[in-house]
């Protein structure tokens, strides 16, 4: 077992099941699914959400599979739908405060390929103001302005 959690104060690393279970005991857990989306040129889809660079992901709905969640969230947040799910990559974990509690969000990431011609349409009600296909050079720059878990995914699966 080896789990890294991105917390506001830094990284928490768990290698023992009992420590992990103790950590989980007072957390509100909100599962999420998301996509690392590539176009035919090999470019990565990134979004600007609330001033931070991010990738499409969101909360799991009741009764939904995590794979369906990931596909739905990419479609909702970006406006594109001709996606091919290519397999699970990794799960990232981060915490944040919410209404006096600490939320732990496991985000299950999937590789996706997009081969359509639809225009990118940011879901503004989710605070998304820009969507962009980026090459490795630009991704490396934007990763510096991304959430730590997003930076982890870009470095591990794109750069």
C-alpha atoms as a PDB file:
ATOM      1  CA  UNK A   1       0.000   0.000   0.000  1.00  0.00           C
ATOM      2  CA  UNK A   2       1.253   3.457  -0.911  1.00  0.00           C
ATOM      3  CA  UNK A   3      -1.158   6.405  -0.963  1.00  0.00           C
ATOM      4  CA  UNK A   4      -0.231  10.068  -1.339  1.00  0.00           C
ATOM      5  CA  UNK A   5      -2.766  12.693  -0.271  1.00  0.00           C
ATOM      6  CA  UNK A   6      -2.393  16.303  -1.359  1.00  0.00           C
ATOM      7  CA  UNK A   7      -3.427  18.397   1.648  1.00  0.00           C
ATOM      8  CA  UNK A   8      -3.393  22.196   1.994  1.00  0.00           C
ATOM      9  CA  UNK A   9      -0.416  21.831   4.366  1.00  0.00           C
ATOM     10  CA  UNK A  10       1.538  19.502   2.038  1.00  0.00           C
ATOM     11  CA  UNK A  11       1.742  15.800   1.264  1.00  0.00           C
ATOM     12  CA  UNK A  12       0.564  13.044   3.570  1.00  0.00           C
ATOM     13  CA  UNK A  13       1.965   9.623   2.685  1.00  0.00           C
ATOM     14  CA  UNK A  14       0.417   6.386   3.918  1.00  0.00           C
ATOM     15  CA  UNK A  15       2.149   3.011   3.737  1.00  0.00           C
ATOM     16  CA  UNK A  16       0.220   1.177   6.447  1.00  0.00           C
ATOM     17  CA  UNK A  17      -3.442   0.206   6.311  1.00  0.00           C
ATOM     18  CA  UNK A  18      -4.139   1.116   9.967  1.00  0.00           C
ATOM     19  CA  UNK A  19      -2.728   4.645   9.482  1.00  0.00           C
ATOM     20  CA  UNK A  20      -4.839   5.076   6.337  1.00  0.00           C
ATOM     21  CA  UNK A  21      -8.000   3.900   8.116  1.00  0.00           C
ATOM     22  CA  UNK A  22      -7.310   6.284  11.003  1.00  0.00           C
ATOM     23  CA  UNK A  23      -6.849   9.159   8.540  1.00  0.00           C
ATOM     24  CA  UNK A  24     -10.159   8.307   6.830  1.00  0.00           C
ATOM     25  CA  UNK A  25     -12.147   8.103  10.076  1.00  0.00           C
ATOM     26  CA  UNK A  26     -13.187  11.767  10.262  1.00  0.00           C
ATOM     27  CA  UNK A  27     -13.276  12.624   6.538  1.00  0.00           C
ATOM     28  CA  UNK A  28     -16.249  13.195   4.272  1.00  0.00           C
ATOM     29  CA  UNK A  29     -15.382  11.169   1.155  1.00  0.00           C
ATOM     30  CA  UNK A  30     -16.535  12.443  -2.241  1.00  0.00           C
ATOM     31  CA  UNK A  31     -15.571  10.168  -5.138  1.00  0.00           C
ATOM     32  CA  UNK A  32     -14.812  11.766  -8.504  1.00  0.00           C
ATOM     33  CA  UNK A  33     -13.988  10.643 -12.026  1.00  0.00           C
ATOM     34  CA  UNK A  34     -12.031  12.507 -14.650  1.00  0.00           C
ATOM     35  CA  UNK A  35     -10.187  12.310 -17.914  1.00  0.00           C
ATOM     36  CA  UNK A  36      -6.768  12.964 -19.283  1.00  0.00           C
ATOM     37  CA  UNK A  37      -8.007  13.720 -22.777  1.00  0.00           C
ATOM     38  CA  UNK A  38      -5.816  13.632 -25.897  1.00  0.00           C
ATOM     39  CA  UNK A  39      -6.656  14.746 -29.428  1.00  0.00           C
ATOM     40  CA  UNK A  40      -5.276  13.091 -32.616  1.00  0.00           C
ATOM     41  CA  UNK A  41      -2.248  15.444 -32.529  1.00  0.00           C
ATOM     42  CA  UNK A  42      -1.318  14.099 -29.089  1.00  0.00           C
ATOM     43  CA  UNK A  43      -2.231  17.352 -27.368  1.00  0.00           C
ATOM     44  CA  UNK A  44      -3.666  17.379 -23.848  1.00  0.00           C
ATOM     45  CA  UNK A  45      -6.936  19.088 -22.924  1.00  0.00           C
ATOM     46  CA  UNK A  46      -6.575  21.555 -20.052  1.00  0.00           C
ATOM     47  CA  UNK A  47      -8.994  24.010 -18.488  1.00  0.00           C
ATOM     48  CA  UNK A  48      -8.774  27.156 -16.437  1.00  0.00           C
ATOM     49  CA  UNK A  49     -11.087  26.765 -13.434  1.00  0.00           C
ATOM     50  CA  UNK A  50     -11.257  29.473 -10.789  1.00  0.00           C
ATOM     51  CA  UNK A  51      -7.816  30.771 -11.739  1.00  0.00           C
ATOM     52  CA  UNK A  52      -6.057  27.371 -11.613  1.00  0.00           C
ATOM     53  CA  UNK A  53      -5.198  25.069 -14.508  1.00  0.00           C
ATOM     54  CA  UNK A  54      -7.053  21.795 -14.221  1.00  0.00           C
ATOM     55  CA  UNK A  55      -8.398  18.831 -16.158  1.00  0.00           C
ATOM     56  CA  UNK A  56     -12.039  17.729 -16.399  1.00  0.00           C
ATOM     57  CA  UNK A  57     -13.316  15.774 -13.418  1.00  0.00           C
ATOM     58  CA  UNK A  58     -16.284  15.764 -11.098  1.00  0.00           C
ATOM     59  CA  UNK A  59     -18.388  14.064  -8.502  1.00  0.00           C
ATOM     60  CA  UNK A  60     -19.794  10.583  -8.872  1.00  0.00           C
ATOM     61  CA  UNK A  61     -23.606  10.504  -9.038  1.00  0.00           C
ATOM     62  CA  UNK A  62     -25.535   7.903  -7.080  1.00  0.00           C
ATOM     63  CA  UNK A  63     -25.868   4.663  -9.047  1.00  0.00           C
ATOM     64  CA  UNK A  64     -23.274   5.729 -11.635  1.00  0.00           C
ATOM     65  CA  UNK A  65     -20.103   3.809 -12.443  1.00  0.00           C
ATOM     66  CA  UNK A  66     -16.864   5.712 -12.062  1.00  0.00           C
ATOM     67  CA  UNK A  67     -16.134   5.231 -15.783  1.00  0.00           C
ATOM     68  CA  UNK A  68     -19.526   6.727 -16.735  1.00  0.00           C
ATOM     69  CA  UNK A  69     -18.864   9.578 -14.305  1.00  0.00           C
ATOM     70  CA  UNK A  70     -15.514  10.368 -15.922  1.00  0.00           C
ATOM     71  CA  UNK A  71     -17.024  10.425 -19.430  1.00  0.00           C
ATOM     72  CA  UNK A  72     -20.020  12.497 -18.289  1.00  0.00           C
ATOM     73  CA  UNK A  73     -17.863  15.056 -16.501  1.00  0.00           C
ATOM     74  CA  UNK A  74     -15.582  15.533 -19.513  1.00  0.00           C
ATOM     75  CA  UNK A  75     -18.623  16.063 -21.726  1.00  0.00           C
ATOM     76  CA  UNK A  76     -20.318  18.466 -19.292  1.00  0.00           C
ATOM     77  CA  UNK A  77     -17.223  20.540 -18.551  1.00  0.00           C
ATOM     78  CA  UNK A  78     -15.873  20.764 -22.109  1.00  0.00           C
ATOM     79  CA  UNK A  79     -18.780  20.263 -24.522  1.00  0.00           C
ATOM     80  CA  UNK A  80     -17.104  17.377 -26.369  1.00  0.00           C
ATOM     81  CA  UNK A  81     -18.686  13.960 -26.612  1.00  0.00           C
ATOM     82  CA  UNK A  82     -16.893  11.802 -29.192  1.00  0.00           C
ATOM     83  CA  UNK A  83     -14.633  10.255 -26.548  1.00  0.00           C
ATOM     84  CA  UNK A  84     -13.022   6.846 -26.346  1.00  0.00           C
ATOM     85  CA  UNK A  85     -12.202   5.520 -22.884  1.00  0.00           C
ATOM     86  CA  UNK A  86      -8.742   3.912 -23.090  1.00  0.00           C
ATOM     87  CA  UNK A  87      -8.350   2.632 -19.551  1.00  0.00           C
ATOM     88  CA  UNK A  88      -7.787   3.620 -15.960  1.00  0.00           C
ATOM     89  CA  UNK A  89      -4.570   5.457 -15.154  1.00  0.00           C
ATOM     90  CA  UNK A  90      -4.355   6.369 -11.492  1.00  0.00           C
ATOM     91  CA  UNK A  91      -6.275   7.688  -8.496  1.00  0.00           C
ATOM     92  CA  UNK A  92      -5.206  10.958  -6.894  1.00  0.00           C
ATOM     93  CA  UNK A  93      -6.307  12.094  -3.448  1.00  0.00           C
ATOM     94  CA  UNK A  94      -6.691  15.609  -2.120  1.00  0.00           C
ATOM     95  CA  UNK A  95      -8.389  17.224   0.852  1.00  0.00           C
ATOM     96  CA  UNK A  96     -10.153  20.526   1.298  1.00  0.00           C
ATOM     97  CA  UNK A  97     -12.292  22.153   3.983  1.00  0.00           C
ATOM     98  CA  UNK A  98     -16.057  22.275   3.454  1.00  0.00           C
ATOM     99  CA  UNK A  99     -18.663  23.448   5.969  1.00  0.00           C
ATOM    100  CA  UNK A 100     -16.465  22.736   8.978  1.00  0.00           C
ATOM    101  CA  UNK A 101     -15.440  19.267   7.771  1.00  0.00           C
ATOM    102  CA  UNK A 102     -12.500  17.928   5.828  1.00  0.00           C
ATOM    103  CA  UNK A 103     -13.392  16.409   2.480  1.00  0.00           C
ATOM    104  CA  UNK A 104     -11.189  13.700   0.992  1.00  0.00           C
ATOM    105  CA  UNK A 105     -11.667  13.513  -2.761  1.00  0.00           C
ATOM    106  CA  UNK A 106     -10.357  10.410  -4.504  1.00  0.00           C
ATOM    107  CA  UNK A 107     -10.264  11.303  -8.214  1.00  0.00           C
ATOM    108  CA  UNK A 108     -10.176   8.270 -10.501  1.00  0.00           C
ATOM    109  CA  UNK A 109      -8.424   9.238 -13.740  1.00  0.00           C
ATOM    110  CA  UNK A 110      -8.931   7.653 -17.155  1.00  0.00           C
ATOM    111  CA  UNK A 111      -7.056   8.101 -20.391  1.00  0.00           C
ATOM    112  CA  UNK A 112      -9.423   9.293 -23.122  1.00  0.00           C
ATOM    113  CA  UNK A 113      -9.002   9.972 -26.811  1.00  0.00           C
ATOM    114  CA  UNK A 114     -11.047  12.563 -28.668  1.00  0.00           C
ATOM    115  CA  UNK A 115     -11.452  12.337 -32.433  1.00  0.00           C
ATOM    116  CA  UNK A 116     -14.391  14.677 -32.994  1.00  0.00           C
ATOM    117  CA  UNK A 117     -14.738  18.147 -34.450  1.00  0.00           C
ATOM    118  CA  UNK A 118     -16.917  19.788 -31.796  1.00  0.00           C
ATOM    119  CA  UNK A 119     -15.927  23.192 -30.452  1.00  0.00           C
ATOM    120  CA  UNK A 120     -14.713  23.300 -26.865  1.00  0.00           C
ATOM    121  CA  UNK A 121     -17.386  24.930 -24.664  1.00  0.00           C
ATOM    122  CA  UNK A 122     -16.389  25.736 -21.069  1.00  0.00           C
ATOM    123  CA  UNK A 123     -18.993  24.982 -18.391  1.00  0.00           C
ATOM    124  CA  UNK A 124     -19.027  28.480 -16.912  1.00  0.00           C
ATOM    125  CA  UNK A 125     -21.396  27.560 -14.065  1.00  0.00           C
ATOM    126  CA  UNK A 126     -18.542  25.359 -12.759  1.00  0.00           C
ATOM    127  CA  UNK A 127     -16.115  28.282 -12.879  1.00  0.00           C
ATOM    128  CA  UNK A 128     -14.437  27.106 -16.093  1.00  0.00           C
ATOM    129  CA  UNK A 129     -13.378  30.104 -18.172  1.00  0.00           C
ATOM    130  CA  UNK A 130     -11.001  28.605 -20.730  1.00  0.00           C
ATOM    131  CA  UNK A 131     -10.347  25.289 -22.460  1.00  0.00           C
ATOM    132  CA  UNK A 132      -7.187  24.644 -24.414  1.00  0.00           C
ATOM    133  CA  UNK A 133      -5.434  21.824 -26.290  1.00  0.00           C
ATOM    134  CA  UNK A 134      -1.767  22.019 -25.267  1.00  0.00           C
ATOM    135  CA  UNK A 135       1.467  20.395 -26.360  1.00  0.00           C
ATOM    136  CA  UNK A 136       4.090  19.144 -23.903  1.00  0.00           C
ATOM    137  CA  UNK A 137       5.905  22.488 -23.711  1.00  0.00           C
ATOM    138  CA  UNK A 138       2.759  24.429 -22.847  1.00  0.00           C
ATOM    139  CA  UNK A 139       1.516  21.671 -20.514  1.00  0.00           C
ATOM    140  CA  UNK A 140       4.748  21.918 -18.520  1.00  0.00           C
ATOM    141  CA  UNK A 141       4.218  25.671 -18.119  1.00  0.00           C
ATOM    142  CA  UNK A 142       0.536  25.382 -17.187  1.00  0.00           C
ATOM    143  CA  UNK A 143       1.268  22.555 -14.732  1.00  0.00           C
ATOM    144  CA  UNK A 144       3.163  25.115 -12.628  1.00  0.00           C
ATOM    145  CA  UNK A 145      -0.177  26.929 -12.198  1.00  0.00           C
ATOM    146  CA  UNK A 146      -2.225  23.794 -11.517  1.00  0.00           C
ATOM    147  CA  UNK A 147      -3.435  22.019  -8.414  1.00  0.00           C
ATOM    148  CA  UNK A 148      -0.771  19.615  -7.067  1.00  0.00           C
ATOM    149  CA  UNK A 149      -2.770  16.495  -7.989  1.00  0.00           C
ATOM    150  CA  UNK A 150      -3.186  17.798 -11.562  1.00  0.00           C
ATOM    151  CA  UNK A 151       0.534  18.540 -11.743  1.00  0.00           C
ATOM    152  CA  UNK A 152       1.165  14.951 -10.593  1.00  0.00           C
ATOM    153  CA  UNK A 153      -1.003  13.536 -13.402  1.00  0.00           C
ATOM    154  CA  UNK A 154       0.526  15.723 -16.119  1.00  0.00           C
ATOM    155  CA  UNK A 155       4.059  14.833 -15.060  1.00  0.00           C
ATOM    156  CA  UNK A 156       3.291  11.118 -14.778  1.00  0.00           C
ATOM    157  CA  UNK A 157       1.211  10.627 -17.944  1.00  0.00           C
ATOM    158  CA  UNK A 158       2.134  13.389 -20.395  1.00  0.00           C
ATOM    159  CA  UNK A 159       5.568  14.904 -19.873  1.00  0.00           C
END
